[in-house]
N, C-alpha and C. Protein backbone atom coordinates (compact mmCIF):
# COMPACT_ATOMS: atom_id res chain seq x y z
N UNK A 1 94.60 -11.07 -18.10
CA UNK A 1 94.08 -9.88 -18.71
C UNK A 1 93.26 -10.28 -19.94
N UNK A 2 92.17 -9.58 -20.18
CA UNK A 2 91.35 -9.81 -21.36
C UNK A 2 91.45 -8.60 -22.27
N UNK A 3 91.66 -8.85 -23.56
CA UNK A 3 91.80 -7.79 -24.55
C UNK A 3 90.76 -8.02 -25.64
N UNK A 4 89.94 -7.01 -25.88
CA UNK A 4 88.93 -7.08 -26.93
C UNK A 4 89.44 -6.26 -28.11
N UNK A 5 89.60 -6.92 -29.27
CA UNK A 5 90.15 -6.30 -30.47
C UNK A 5 89.05 -6.23 -31.53
N UNK A 6 88.81 -5.01 -32.03
CA UNK A 6 87.79 -4.81 -33.07
C UNK A 6 88.38 -4.03 -34.23
N UNK A 7 87.77 -4.20 -35.40
CA UNK A 7 88.18 -3.44 -36.58
C UNK A 7 87.84 -1.97 -36.39
N UNK A 8 88.72 -1.10 -36.85
CA UNK A 8 88.48 0.35 -36.78
C UNK A 8 87.41 0.79 -37.77
N UNK A 9 87.41 0.23 -38.94
CA UNK A 9 86.47 0.64 -39.99
C UNK A 9 85.39 -0.39 -40.21
N UNK A 10 84.87 -0.39 -41.40
CA UNK A 10 83.81 -1.29 -41.79
C UNK A 10 84.29 -2.74 -41.78
N UNK A 11 83.53 -3.61 -41.17
CA UNK A 11 83.85 -5.04 -41.12
C UNK A 11 82.85 -5.76 -42.03
N UNK A 12 83.28 -6.24 -43.22
CA UNK A 12 82.34 -6.86 -44.16
C UNK A 12 81.66 -8.11 -43.60
N UNK A 13 82.31 -8.81 -42.69
CA UNK A 13 81.68 -9.99 -42.07
C UNK A 13 80.47 -9.55 -41.25
N UNK A 14 80.61 -8.45 -40.52
CA UNK A 14 79.51 -7.94 -39.71
C UNK A 14 78.37 -7.45 -40.60
N UNK A 15 78.70 -6.76 -41.68
CA UNK A 15 77.67 -6.26 -42.60
C UNK A 15 76.85 -7.42 -43.15
N UNK A 16 77.52 -8.48 -43.59
CA UNK A 16 76.82 -9.65 -44.13
C UNK A 16 76.00 -10.35 -43.07
N UNK A 17 76.58 -10.54 -41.89
CA UNK A 17 75.86 -11.23 -40.81
C UNK A 17 74.64 -10.43 -40.36
N UNK A 18 74.80 -9.12 -40.25
CA UNK A 18 73.69 -8.27 -39.82
C UNK A 18 72.53 -8.35 -40.82
N UNK A 19 72.85 -8.32 -42.10
CA UNK A 19 71.80 -8.43 -43.12
C UNK A 19 71.12 -9.79 -43.05
N UNK A 20 71.90 -10.85 -42.91
CA UNK A 20 71.31 -12.19 -42.83
C UNK A 20 70.43 -12.34 -41.60
N UNK A 21 70.87 -11.80 -40.47
CA UNK A 21 70.07 -11.90 -39.24
C UNK A 21 68.76 -11.15 -39.39
N UNK A 22 68.81 -9.99 -40.01
CA UNK A 22 67.58 -9.20 -40.17
C UNK A 22 66.64 -9.79 -41.21
N UNK A 23 67.17 -10.09 -42.39
CA UNK A 23 66.32 -10.50 -43.51
C UNK A 23 65.97 -11.98 -43.47
N UNK A 24 66.96 -12.82 -43.34
CA UNK A 24 66.73 -14.26 -43.43
C UNK A 24 66.25 -14.89 -42.13
N UNK A 25 66.70 -14.36 -41.01
CA UNK A 25 66.35 -14.96 -39.73
C UNK A 25 65.25 -14.20 -38.98
N UNK A 26 64.72 -13.15 -39.59
CA UNK A 26 63.56 -12.47 -39.04
C UNK A 26 63.82 -11.56 -37.85
N UNK A 27 65.03 -11.02 -37.72
CA UNK A 27 65.31 -10.13 -36.59
C UNK A 27 65.11 -8.65 -36.94
N UNK A 28 64.55 -8.37 -38.10
CA UNK A 28 64.25 -6.99 -38.48
C UNK A 28 63.35 -6.38 -37.41
N UNK A 29 63.69 -5.20 -36.95
CA UNK A 29 62.91 -4.55 -35.90
C UNK A 29 63.40 -4.88 -34.50
N UNK A 30 64.11 -5.98 -34.33
CA UNK A 30 64.66 -6.34 -33.01
C UNK A 30 66.17 -6.11 -32.94
N UNK A 31 66.89 -6.41 -34.02
CA UNK A 31 68.32 -6.18 -34.08
C UNK A 31 68.59 -4.75 -34.55
N UNK A 32 69.21 -3.96 -33.69
CA UNK A 32 69.51 -2.57 -34.02
C UNK A 32 70.92 -2.44 -34.59
N UNK A 33 71.88 -3.13 -33.98
CA UNK A 33 73.27 -3.06 -34.44
C UNK A 33 73.99 -4.34 -34.05
N UNK A 34 75.01 -4.68 -34.83
CA UNK A 34 75.81 -5.88 -34.58
C UNK A 34 77.28 -5.49 -34.67
N UNK A 35 78.09 -5.98 -33.74
CA UNK A 35 79.53 -5.77 -33.75
C UNK A 35 80.22 -7.10 -33.49
N UNK A 36 81.49 -7.16 -33.90
CA UNK A 36 82.26 -8.40 -33.74
C UNK A 36 83.68 -8.05 -33.35
N UNK A 37 84.29 -8.93 -32.58
CA UNK A 37 85.69 -8.74 -32.21
C UNK A 37 86.32 -10.04 -31.76
N UNK A 38 87.64 -10.00 -31.63
CA UNK A 38 88.39 -11.11 -31.05
C UNK A 38 88.59 -10.79 -29.59
N UNK A 39 88.20 -11.71 -28.73
CA UNK A 39 88.40 -11.54 -27.29
C UNK A 39 89.52 -12.48 -26.87
N UNK A 40 90.62 -11.89 -26.44
CA UNK A 40 91.80 -12.65 -26.01
C UNK A 40 91.88 -12.64 -24.50
N UNK A 41 92.28 -13.77 -23.94
CA UNK A 41 92.63 -13.83 -22.53
C UNK A 41 94.08 -14.27 -22.46
N UNK A 42 94.89 -13.43 -21.86
CA UNK A 42 96.32 -13.68 -21.78
C UNK A 42 96.68 -13.91 -20.32
N UNK A 43 97.26 -15.06 -20.03
CA UNK A 43 97.78 -15.34 -18.70
C UNK A 43 99.28 -15.14 -18.76
N UNK A 44 99.80 -14.39 -17.80
CA UNK A 44 101.21 -14.02 -17.85
C UNK A 44 101.85 -14.09 -16.47
N UNK A 45 103.16 -14.19 -16.48
CA UNK A 45 103.95 -14.24 -15.25
C UNK A 45 104.32 -12.82 -14.83
N UNK A 46 103.32 -11.94 -14.73
CA UNK A 46 103.54 -10.57 -14.30
C UNK A 46 102.29 -10.07 -13.58
N UNK A 47 102.49 -9.20 -12.63
CA UNK A 47 101.36 -8.62 -11.90
C UNK A 47 100.90 -7.30 -12.52
N UNK A 48 101.71 -6.70 -13.37
CA UNK A 48 101.42 -5.39 -13.95
C UNK A 48 100.66 -5.55 -15.26
N UNK A 49 99.33 -5.53 -15.17
CA UNK A 49 98.49 -5.76 -16.35
C UNK A 49 98.66 -4.66 -17.38
N UNK A 50 98.76 -3.41 -16.95
CA UNK A 50 98.90 -2.30 -17.90
C UNK A 50 100.20 -2.42 -18.69
N UNK A 51 101.30 -2.79 -18.02
CA UNK A 51 102.57 -2.96 -18.71
C UNK A 51 102.50 -4.14 -19.69
N UNK A 52 101.85 -5.23 -19.27
CA UNK A 52 101.70 -6.39 -20.15
C UNK A 52 100.94 -6.00 -21.42
N UNK A 53 99.81 -5.30 -21.27
CA UNK A 53 99.01 -4.90 -22.43
C UNK A 53 99.83 -3.99 -23.33
N UNK A 54 100.53 -3.04 -22.75
CA UNK A 54 101.36 -2.14 -23.53
C UNK A 54 102.40 -2.90 -24.33
N UNK A 55 103.05 -3.85 -23.71
CA UNK A 55 104.07 -4.64 -24.41
C UNK A 55 103.44 -5.53 -25.48
N UNK A 56 102.29 -6.12 -25.17
CA UNK A 56 101.61 -6.97 -26.17
C UNK A 56 101.25 -6.16 -27.41
N UNK A 57 100.79 -4.94 -27.21
CA UNK A 57 100.33 -4.13 -28.32
C UNK A 57 101.49 -3.48 -29.07
N UNK A 58 102.42 -2.88 -28.34
CA UNK A 58 103.49 -2.13 -29.01
C UNK A 58 104.66 -3.00 -29.44
N UNK A 59 105.04 -3.98 -28.64
CA UNK A 59 106.24 -4.76 -28.94
C UNK A 59 105.98 -5.91 -29.90
N UNK A 60 104.75 -6.39 -29.98
CA UNK A 60 104.53 -7.58 -30.80
C UNK A 60 103.77 -7.30 -32.09
N UNK A 61 102.70 -6.53 -32.02
CA UNK A 61 101.86 -6.35 -33.21
C UNK A 61 101.10 -7.61 -33.58
N UNK A 62 101.09 -8.60 -32.70
CA UNK A 62 100.46 -9.88 -33.02
C UNK A 62 98.95 -9.87 -32.76
N UNK A 63 98.51 -9.19 -31.72
CA UNK A 63 97.10 -9.19 -31.38
C UNK A 63 96.37 -7.98 -31.98
N UNK A 64 97.08 -6.87 -32.07
CA UNK A 64 96.48 -5.61 -32.50
C UNK A 64 97.38 -4.94 -33.53
N UNK A 65 96.80 -4.59 -34.67
CA UNK A 65 97.48 -3.74 -35.64
C UNK A 65 96.86 -2.36 -35.45
N UNK A 66 97.61 -1.40 -34.90
CA UNK A 66 97.00 -0.10 -34.57
C UNK A 66 96.42 0.64 -35.77
N UNK A 67 96.84 0.30 -36.97
CA UNK A 67 96.28 0.93 -38.16
C UNK A 67 94.91 0.38 -38.52
N UNK A 68 94.63 -0.85 -38.11
CA UNK A 68 93.38 -1.51 -38.50
C UNK A 68 92.45 -1.80 -37.34
N UNK A 69 92.98 -1.80 -36.12
CA UNK A 69 92.18 -2.23 -34.96
C UNK A 69 92.15 -1.18 -33.87
N UNK A 70 91.12 -1.30 -33.06
CA UNK A 70 91.07 -0.60 -31.78
C UNK A 70 90.90 -1.69 -30.73
N UNK A 71 91.30 -1.39 -29.51
CA UNK A 71 91.20 -2.41 -28.46
C UNK A 71 90.88 -1.78 -27.13
N UNK A 72 90.29 -2.57 -26.25
CA UNK A 72 90.11 -2.24 -24.84
C UNK A 72 90.55 -3.47 -24.06
N UNK A 73 90.88 -3.26 -22.81
CA UNK A 73 91.33 -4.40 -22.01
C UNK A 73 90.77 -4.28 -20.60
N UNK A 74 90.80 -5.41 -19.91
CA UNK A 74 90.43 -5.43 -18.49
C UNK A 74 91.18 -6.56 -17.81
N UNK A 75 91.39 -6.38 -16.53
CA UNK A 75 91.98 -7.44 -15.73
C UNK A 75 91.00 -7.79 -14.63
N UNK A 76 91.33 -8.75 -13.82
CA UNK A 76 90.41 -9.19 -12.76
C UNK A 76 90.11 -8.04 -11.80
N UNK A 77 91.13 -7.26 -11.45
CA UNK A 77 90.94 -6.23 -10.44
C UNK A 77 90.51 -4.88 -10.98
N UNK A 78 90.60 -4.66 -12.28
CA UNK A 78 90.28 -3.34 -12.83
C UNK A 78 89.65 -3.50 -14.21
N UNK A 79 88.85 -2.51 -14.59
CA UNK A 79 88.27 -2.50 -15.93
C UNK A 79 88.62 -1.19 -16.61
N UNK A 80 88.89 -1.26 -17.88
CA UNK A 80 89.18 -0.09 -18.69
C UNK A 80 88.22 -0.10 -19.87
N UNK A 81 87.45 0.95 -20.05
CA UNK A 81 86.49 1.00 -21.15
C UNK A 81 85.28 0.11 -20.92
N UNK A 82 85.00 -0.21 -19.68
CA UNK A 82 83.99 -1.21 -19.37
C UNK A 82 82.58 -0.80 -19.78
N UNK A 83 82.21 0.43 -19.51
CA UNK A 83 80.82 0.80 -19.76
C UNK A 83 80.44 0.64 -21.23
N UNK A 84 81.34 1.02 -22.12
CA UNK A 84 81.01 1.01 -23.54
C UNK A 84 81.17 -0.37 -24.17
N UNK A 85 82.22 -1.08 -23.84
CA UNK A 85 82.55 -2.30 -24.56
C UNK A 85 82.13 -3.58 -23.87
N UNK A 86 82.02 -3.56 -22.56
CA UNK A 86 81.68 -4.79 -21.84
C UNK A 86 80.26 -4.76 -21.30
N UNK A 87 79.60 -3.61 -21.35
CA UNK A 87 78.27 -3.47 -20.77
C UNK A 87 77.31 -2.84 -21.74
N UNK A 88 76.37 -2.07 -21.19
CA UNK A 88 75.32 -1.50 -22.03
C UNK A 88 75.50 -0.02 -22.32
N UNK A 89 76.62 0.55 -21.94
CA UNK A 89 76.90 1.94 -22.29
C UNK A 89 77.15 2.03 -23.78
N UNK A 90 76.75 3.15 -24.38
CA UNK A 90 76.98 3.33 -25.81
C UNK A 90 76.10 2.49 -26.71
N UNK A 91 74.92 2.13 -26.23
CA UNK A 91 73.99 1.38 -27.08
C UNK A 91 73.64 2.20 -28.32
N UNK A 92 73.41 1.51 -29.42
CA UNK A 92 72.98 2.17 -30.65
C UNK A 92 71.61 2.82 -30.42
N UNK A 93 71.33 3.95 -31.09
CA UNK A 93 70.02 4.59 -30.94
C UNK A 93 68.89 3.61 -31.24
N UNK A 94 67.92 3.56 -30.36
CA UNK A 94 66.78 2.65 -30.52
C UNK A 94 66.96 1.32 -29.81
N UNK A 95 68.15 1.02 -29.32
CA UNK A 95 68.40 -0.25 -28.62
C UNK A 95 68.08 -0.10 -27.14
N UNK A 96 67.60 -1.16 -26.53
CA UNK A 96 67.29 -1.17 -25.11
C UNK A 96 68.24 -2.05 -24.32
N UNK A 97 68.89 -3.00 -24.99
CA UNK A 97 69.74 -3.95 -24.29
C UNK A 97 70.82 -4.46 -25.24
N UNK A 98 71.95 -4.86 -24.68
CA UNK A 98 73.01 -5.48 -25.46
C UNK A 98 73.14 -6.93 -25.00
N UNK A 99 73.24 -7.82 -25.98
CA UNK A 99 73.49 -9.24 -25.69
C UNK A 99 74.81 -9.62 -26.34
N UNK A 100 75.56 -10.46 -25.66
CA UNK A 100 76.85 -10.92 -26.16
C UNK A 100 76.77 -12.40 -26.49
N UNK A 101 77.36 -12.78 -27.61
CA UNK A 101 77.48 -14.18 -28.00
C UNK A 101 78.97 -14.47 -28.12
N UNK A 102 79.47 -15.37 -27.27
CA UNK A 102 80.87 -15.79 -27.33
C UNK A 102 80.92 -17.12 -28.06
N UNK A 103 81.75 -17.20 -29.09
CA UNK A 103 81.85 -18.40 -29.91
C UNK A 103 83.25 -18.97 -29.76
N UNK A 104 83.31 -20.23 -29.32
CA UNK A 104 84.60 -20.90 -29.12
C UNK A 104 84.56 -22.26 -29.79
N UNK A 105 85.73 -22.80 -30.12
CA UNK A 105 85.75 -24.11 -30.78
C UNK A 105 85.42 -25.23 -29.80
N UNK A 106 84.86 -26.29 -30.31
CA UNK A 106 84.63 -27.47 -29.49
C UNK A 106 85.95 -28.21 -29.31
N UNK A 107 86.26 -28.56 -28.08
CA UNK A 107 87.39 -29.44 -27.80
C UNK A 107 88.75 -28.96 -28.26
N UNK A 108 89.10 -27.73 -27.98
CA UNK A 108 90.44 -27.33 -28.35
C UNK A 108 90.83 -25.96 -27.89
N UNK A 109 92.10 -25.77 -27.70
CA UNK A 109 92.67 -24.48 -27.34
C UNK A 109 92.61 -23.56 -28.55
N UNK A 110 92.48 -22.28 -28.31
CA UNK A 110 92.32 -21.33 -29.41
C UNK A 110 93.47 -20.35 -29.54
N UNK A 111 94.43 -20.39 -28.66
CA UNK A 111 95.51 -19.42 -28.74
C UNK A 111 96.90 -20.00 -28.65
N UNK A 112 97.01 -21.32 -28.66
CA UNK A 112 98.32 -21.95 -28.46
C UNK A 112 99.32 -21.62 -29.56
N UNK A 113 98.85 -21.39 -30.78
CA UNK A 113 99.77 -21.11 -31.88
C UNK A 113 100.47 -19.76 -31.74
N UNK A 114 99.93 -18.87 -30.93
CA UNK A 114 100.53 -17.55 -30.78
C UNK A 114 101.57 -17.52 -29.66
N UNK A 115 101.65 -18.58 -28.86
CA UNK A 115 102.58 -18.57 -27.73
C UNK A 115 104.04 -18.46 -28.16
N UNK A 116 104.45 -19.18 -29.18
CA UNK A 116 105.86 -19.12 -29.63
C UNK A 116 106.22 -17.73 -30.15
N UNK A 117 105.42 -17.10 -31.01
CA UNK A 117 105.75 -15.73 -31.43
C UNK A 117 105.76 -14.73 -30.26
N UNK A 118 104.85 -14.91 -29.30
CA UNK A 118 104.84 -14.03 -28.13
C UNK A 118 106.11 -14.22 -27.31
N UNK A 119 106.56 -15.46 -27.18
CA UNK A 119 107.80 -15.74 -26.44
C UNK A 119 109.00 -15.09 -27.12
N UNK A 120 109.03 -15.13 -28.45
CA UNK A 120 110.13 -14.48 -29.18
C UNK A 120 110.11 -12.97 -28.98
N UNK A 121 108.92 -12.38 -28.94
CA UNK A 121 108.80 -10.93 -28.84
C UNK A 121 108.96 -10.41 -27.40
N UNK A 122 108.44 -11.15 -26.43
CA UNK A 122 108.40 -10.66 -25.05
C UNK A 122 109.38 -11.36 -24.12
N UNK A 123 109.87 -12.51 -24.54
CA UNK A 123 110.75 -13.31 -23.68
C UNK A 123 110.06 -14.60 -23.29
N UNK A 124 110.85 -15.62 -23.10
CA UNK A 124 110.33 -16.95 -22.74
C UNK A 124 109.66 -16.90 -21.37
N UNK A 125 108.45 -17.47 -21.29
CA UNK A 125 107.75 -17.60 -20.02
C UNK A 125 106.97 -16.38 -19.57
N UNK A 126 107.01 -15.27 -20.33
CA UNK A 126 106.24 -14.09 -19.94
C UNK A 126 104.75 -14.39 -20.10
N UNK A 127 104.36 -14.90 -21.25
CA UNK A 127 102.97 -15.30 -21.48
C UNK A 127 102.88 -16.81 -21.32
N UNK A 128 102.04 -17.27 -20.41
CA UNK A 128 101.93 -18.70 -20.12
C UNK A 128 100.77 -19.37 -20.84
N UNK A 129 99.75 -18.59 -21.17
CA UNK A 129 98.60 -19.14 -21.89
C UNK A 129 97.89 -18.02 -22.63
N UNK A 130 97.39 -18.33 -23.82
CA UNK A 130 96.59 -17.38 -24.59
C UNK A 130 95.35 -18.12 -25.09
N UNK A 131 94.21 -17.51 -24.90
CA UNK A 131 92.94 -18.09 -25.35
C UNK A 131 92.19 -17.03 -26.14
N UNK A 132 91.58 -17.43 -27.26
CA UNK A 132 90.83 -16.49 -28.09
C UNK A 132 89.44 -17.05 -28.39
N UNK A 133 88.44 -16.18 -28.31
CA UNK A 133 87.09 -16.52 -28.74
C UNK A 133 86.58 -15.37 -29.61
N UNK A 134 85.59 -15.67 -30.45
CA UNK A 134 84.90 -14.63 -31.21
C UNK A 134 83.82 -14.04 -30.31
N UNK A 135 83.74 -12.73 -30.28
CA UNK A 135 82.72 -12.06 -29.48
C UNK A 135 81.82 -11.24 -30.40
N UNK A 136 80.53 -11.55 -30.38
CA UNK A 136 79.53 -10.78 -31.12
C UNK A 136 78.73 -9.98 -30.10
N UNK A 137 78.51 -8.70 -30.37
CA UNK A 137 77.69 -7.84 -29.52
C UNK A 137 76.48 -7.41 -30.33
N UNK A 138 75.31 -7.73 -29.80
CA UNK A 138 74.05 -7.42 -30.48
C UNK A 138 73.31 -6.35 -29.68
N UNK A 139 73.11 -5.17 -30.27
CA UNK A 139 72.27 -4.15 -29.66
C UNK A 139 70.85 -4.43 -30.12
N UNK A 140 69.97 -4.64 -29.15
CA UNK A 140 68.61 -5.10 -29.45
C UNK A 140 67.55 -4.14 -28.94
N UNK A 141 66.44 -4.08 -29.66
CA UNK A 141 65.31 -3.21 -29.29
C UNK A 141 64.31 -3.98 -28.45
N UNK A 142 64.83 -4.80 -27.55
CA UNK A 142 64.00 -5.60 -26.65
C UNK A 142 64.58 -5.48 -25.24
N UNK A 143 63.81 -5.88 -24.25
CA UNK A 143 64.28 -5.86 -22.87
C UNK A 143 65.29 -6.98 -22.60
N UNK A 144 65.91 -6.92 -21.43
CA UNK A 144 66.96 -7.87 -21.08
C UNK A 144 66.47 -9.32 -21.08
N UNK A 145 65.27 -9.57 -20.60
CA UNK A 145 64.76 -10.95 -20.57
C UNK A 145 64.65 -11.53 -21.97
N UNK A 146 64.11 -10.74 -22.89
CA UNK A 146 63.95 -11.22 -24.27
C UNK A 146 65.28 -11.21 -25.02
N UNK A 147 66.21 -10.34 -24.62
CA UNK A 147 67.49 -10.22 -25.33
C UNK A 147 68.27 -11.54 -25.33
N UNK A 148 68.29 -12.23 -24.21
CA UNK A 148 69.00 -13.51 -24.13
C UNK A 148 68.38 -14.52 -25.09
N UNK A 149 67.06 -14.52 -25.19
CA UNK A 149 66.36 -15.45 -26.10
C UNK A 149 66.66 -15.11 -27.55
N UNK A 150 66.61 -13.83 -27.90
CA UNK A 150 66.89 -13.40 -29.28
C UNK A 150 68.32 -13.76 -29.65
N UNK A 151 69.27 -13.48 -28.76
CA UNK A 151 70.68 -13.79 -29.03
C UNK A 151 70.90 -15.29 -29.17
N UNK A 152 70.23 -16.07 -28.35
CA UNK A 152 70.36 -17.53 -28.44
C UNK A 152 69.81 -18.03 -29.78
N UNK A 153 68.72 -17.45 -30.25
CA UNK A 153 68.17 -17.82 -31.57
C UNK A 153 69.16 -17.49 -32.68
N UNK A 154 69.87 -16.38 -32.55
CA UNK A 154 70.82 -15.97 -33.57
C UNK A 154 72.13 -16.74 -33.49
N UNK A 155 72.41 -17.32 -32.35
CA UNK A 155 73.74 -17.87 -32.09
C UNK A 155 74.04 -19.15 -32.87
N UNK A 156 73.35 -20.21 -32.58
CA UNK A 156 73.73 -21.53 -33.11
C UNK A 156 72.92 -21.88 -34.35
N UNK A 157 73.62 -22.18 -35.42
CA UNK A 157 72.98 -22.53 -36.68
C UNK A 157 72.35 -23.92 -36.57
N UNK A 158 71.05 -23.97 -36.80
CA UNK A 158 70.37 -25.27 -36.80
C UNK A 158 69.64 -25.53 -38.11
N UNK A 159 69.45 -24.48 -38.92
CA UNK A 159 68.85 -24.61 -40.24
C UNK A 159 69.16 -23.33 -41.02
N UNK A 160 68.70 -23.28 -42.25
CA UNK A 160 68.95 -22.08 -43.07
C UNK A 160 68.23 -20.86 -42.53
N UNK A 161 67.22 -21.05 -41.71
CA UNK A 161 66.43 -19.95 -41.18
C UNK A 161 66.57 -19.80 -39.66
N UNK A 162 67.50 -20.51 -39.07
CA UNK A 162 67.66 -20.44 -37.61
C UNK A 162 69.13 -20.50 -37.24
N UNK A 163 69.61 -19.43 -36.61
CA UNK A 163 70.98 -19.37 -36.13
C UNK A 163 71.97 -19.00 -37.23
N UNK A 164 73.08 -18.36 -36.82
CA UNK A 164 74.05 -17.94 -37.81
C UNK A 164 75.47 -17.84 -37.26
N UNK A 165 75.64 -17.42 -36.04
CA UNK A 165 76.94 -16.99 -35.53
C UNK A 165 77.87 -18.14 -35.14
N UNK A 166 77.35 -19.34 -34.91
CA UNK A 166 78.18 -20.48 -34.52
C UNK A 166 77.71 -21.74 -35.24
N UNK A 167 78.66 -22.52 -35.70
CA UNK A 167 78.36 -23.81 -36.34
C UNK A 167 78.46 -24.89 -35.26
N UNK A 168 77.35 -25.56 -34.93
CA UNK A 168 77.36 -26.50 -33.80
C UNK A 168 78.23 -27.74 -34.03
N UNK A 169 78.67 -27.96 -35.26
CA UNK A 169 79.52 -29.12 -35.53
C UNK A 169 80.94 -28.93 -35.03
N UNK A 170 81.37 -27.65 -34.90
CA UNK A 170 82.71 -27.44 -34.38
C UNK A 170 82.84 -26.21 -33.48
N UNK A 171 81.72 -25.58 -33.13
CA UNK A 171 81.78 -24.41 -32.26
C UNK A 171 80.72 -24.48 -31.17
N UNK A 172 80.99 -23.80 -30.09
CA UNK A 172 80.08 -23.67 -28.96
C UNK A 172 79.75 -22.19 -28.82
N UNK A 173 78.50 -21.88 -28.50
CA UNK A 173 78.10 -20.49 -28.28
C UNK A 173 77.60 -20.32 -26.85
N UNK A 174 78.01 -19.22 -26.23
CA UNK A 174 77.56 -18.86 -24.89
C UNK A 174 76.97 -17.46 -24.98
N UNK A 175 75.77 -17.26 -24.40
CA UNK A 175 75.04 -16.00 -24.52
C UNK A 175 74.94 -15.32 -23.16
N UNK A 176 75.14 -13.99 -23.17
CA UNK A 176 74.97 -13.16 -21.97
C UNK A 176 74.21 -11.91 -22.38
N UNK A 177 73.18 -11.56 -21.64
CA UNK A 177 72.44 -10.32 -21.89
C UNK A 177 72.83 -9.31 -20.82
N UNK A 178 72.99 -8.07 -21.23
CA UNK A 178 73.36 -7.01 -20.29
C UNK A 178 74.86 -6.82 -20.26
N UNK A 179 75.46 -7.01 -19.10
CA UNK A 179 76.90 -6.82 -18.92
C UNK A 179 77.62 -8.14 -19.12
N UNK A 180 78.74 -8.10 -19.84
CA UNK A 180 79.54 -9.30 -20.04
C UNK A 180 80.45 -9.48 -18.83
N UNK A 181 80.21 -10.50 -18.01
CA UNK A 181 81.06 -10.70 -16.83
C UNK A 181 82.46 -11.15 -17.25
N UNK A 182 83.46 -10.93 -16.41
CA UNK A 182 84.82 -11.36 -16.76
C UNK A 182 84.97 -12.88 -16.62
N UNK A 183 84.38 -13.59 -17.55
CA UNK A 183 84.43 -15.05 -17.53
C UNK A 183 85.83 -15.55 -17.85
N UNK A 184 86.25 -16.64 -17.24
CA UNK A 184 87.51 -17.25 -17.66
C UNK A 184 87.30 -17.93 -19.02
N UNK A 185 87.94 -17.40 -20.05
CA UNK A 185 87.71 -17.92 -21.40
C UNK A 185 88.14 -19.37 -21.53
N UNK A 186 89.14 -19.77 -20.78
CA UNK A 186 89.59 -21.16 -20.84
C UNK A 186 88.43 -22.11 -20.48
N UNK A 187 87.60 -21.69 -19.52
CA UNK A 187 86.44 -22.51 -19.14
C UNK A 187 85.43 -22.61 -20.27
N UNK A 188 85.26 -21.51 -21.02
CA UNK A 188 84.36 -21.55 -22.19
C UNK A 188 84.86 -22.54 -23.22
N UNK A 189 86.15 -22.45 -23.51
CA UNK A 189 86.74 -23.34 -24.53
C UNK A 189 86.64 -24.79 -24.10
N UNK A 190 86.82 -25.04 -22.81
CA UNK A 190 86.71 -26.41 -22.28
C UNK A 190 85.28 -26.87 -22.12
N UNK A 191 84.32 -25.95 -22.27
CA UNK A 191 82.91 -26.31 -22.14
C UNK A 191 82.42 -26.36 -20.71
N UNK A 192 83.15 -25.74 -19.79
CA UNK A 192 82.74 -25.77 -18.37
C UNK A 192 81.80 -24.64 -17.99
N UNK A 193 81.62 -23.65 -18.88
CA UNK A 193 80.69 -22.54 -18.62
C UNK A 193 79.62 -22.60 -19.69
N UNK A 194 78.39 -22.64 -19.30
CA UNK A 194 77.29 -22.68 -20.29
C UNK A 194 76.38 -21.51 -20.07
């Protein structure tokens, strides 16, 4: 199951990044809106994805604080909230396309530290693997073909005037324009999906 967790209110990191992308990196007029969230992929020893998500959210409080966050989830066989959060539904006014930038660390697991607390809260062996990546969603005033190029320019920092969302010394960025497919996040972290 994949769970996308976002702040309910103002996210100061997004405000700063959006300003830098527009002013310093020259995306004024092309970048309409920017959002950020934690994208978790949870592998579990259960077939009931809805029950797993409910237990993860209500019983643990580790991935989502309901006072500060909102979340949507999807599994391989079903999607919940897909049009708005995983695709191009709900684009900001003036935007023509949404591009996603997934940022993962180079050479390492991103969710292993949460396995022990999850085991204490849900029981040993319920969650077998947890992977987390940063997900940036860029609503752009360009078509889909140009959106991937604009997002790639914004993604990897190569100078003070080029890139912002990922540091190439310890992070990898993957760009998707349009709909975010249900990629296996473990493959992103391992560098098998480009």
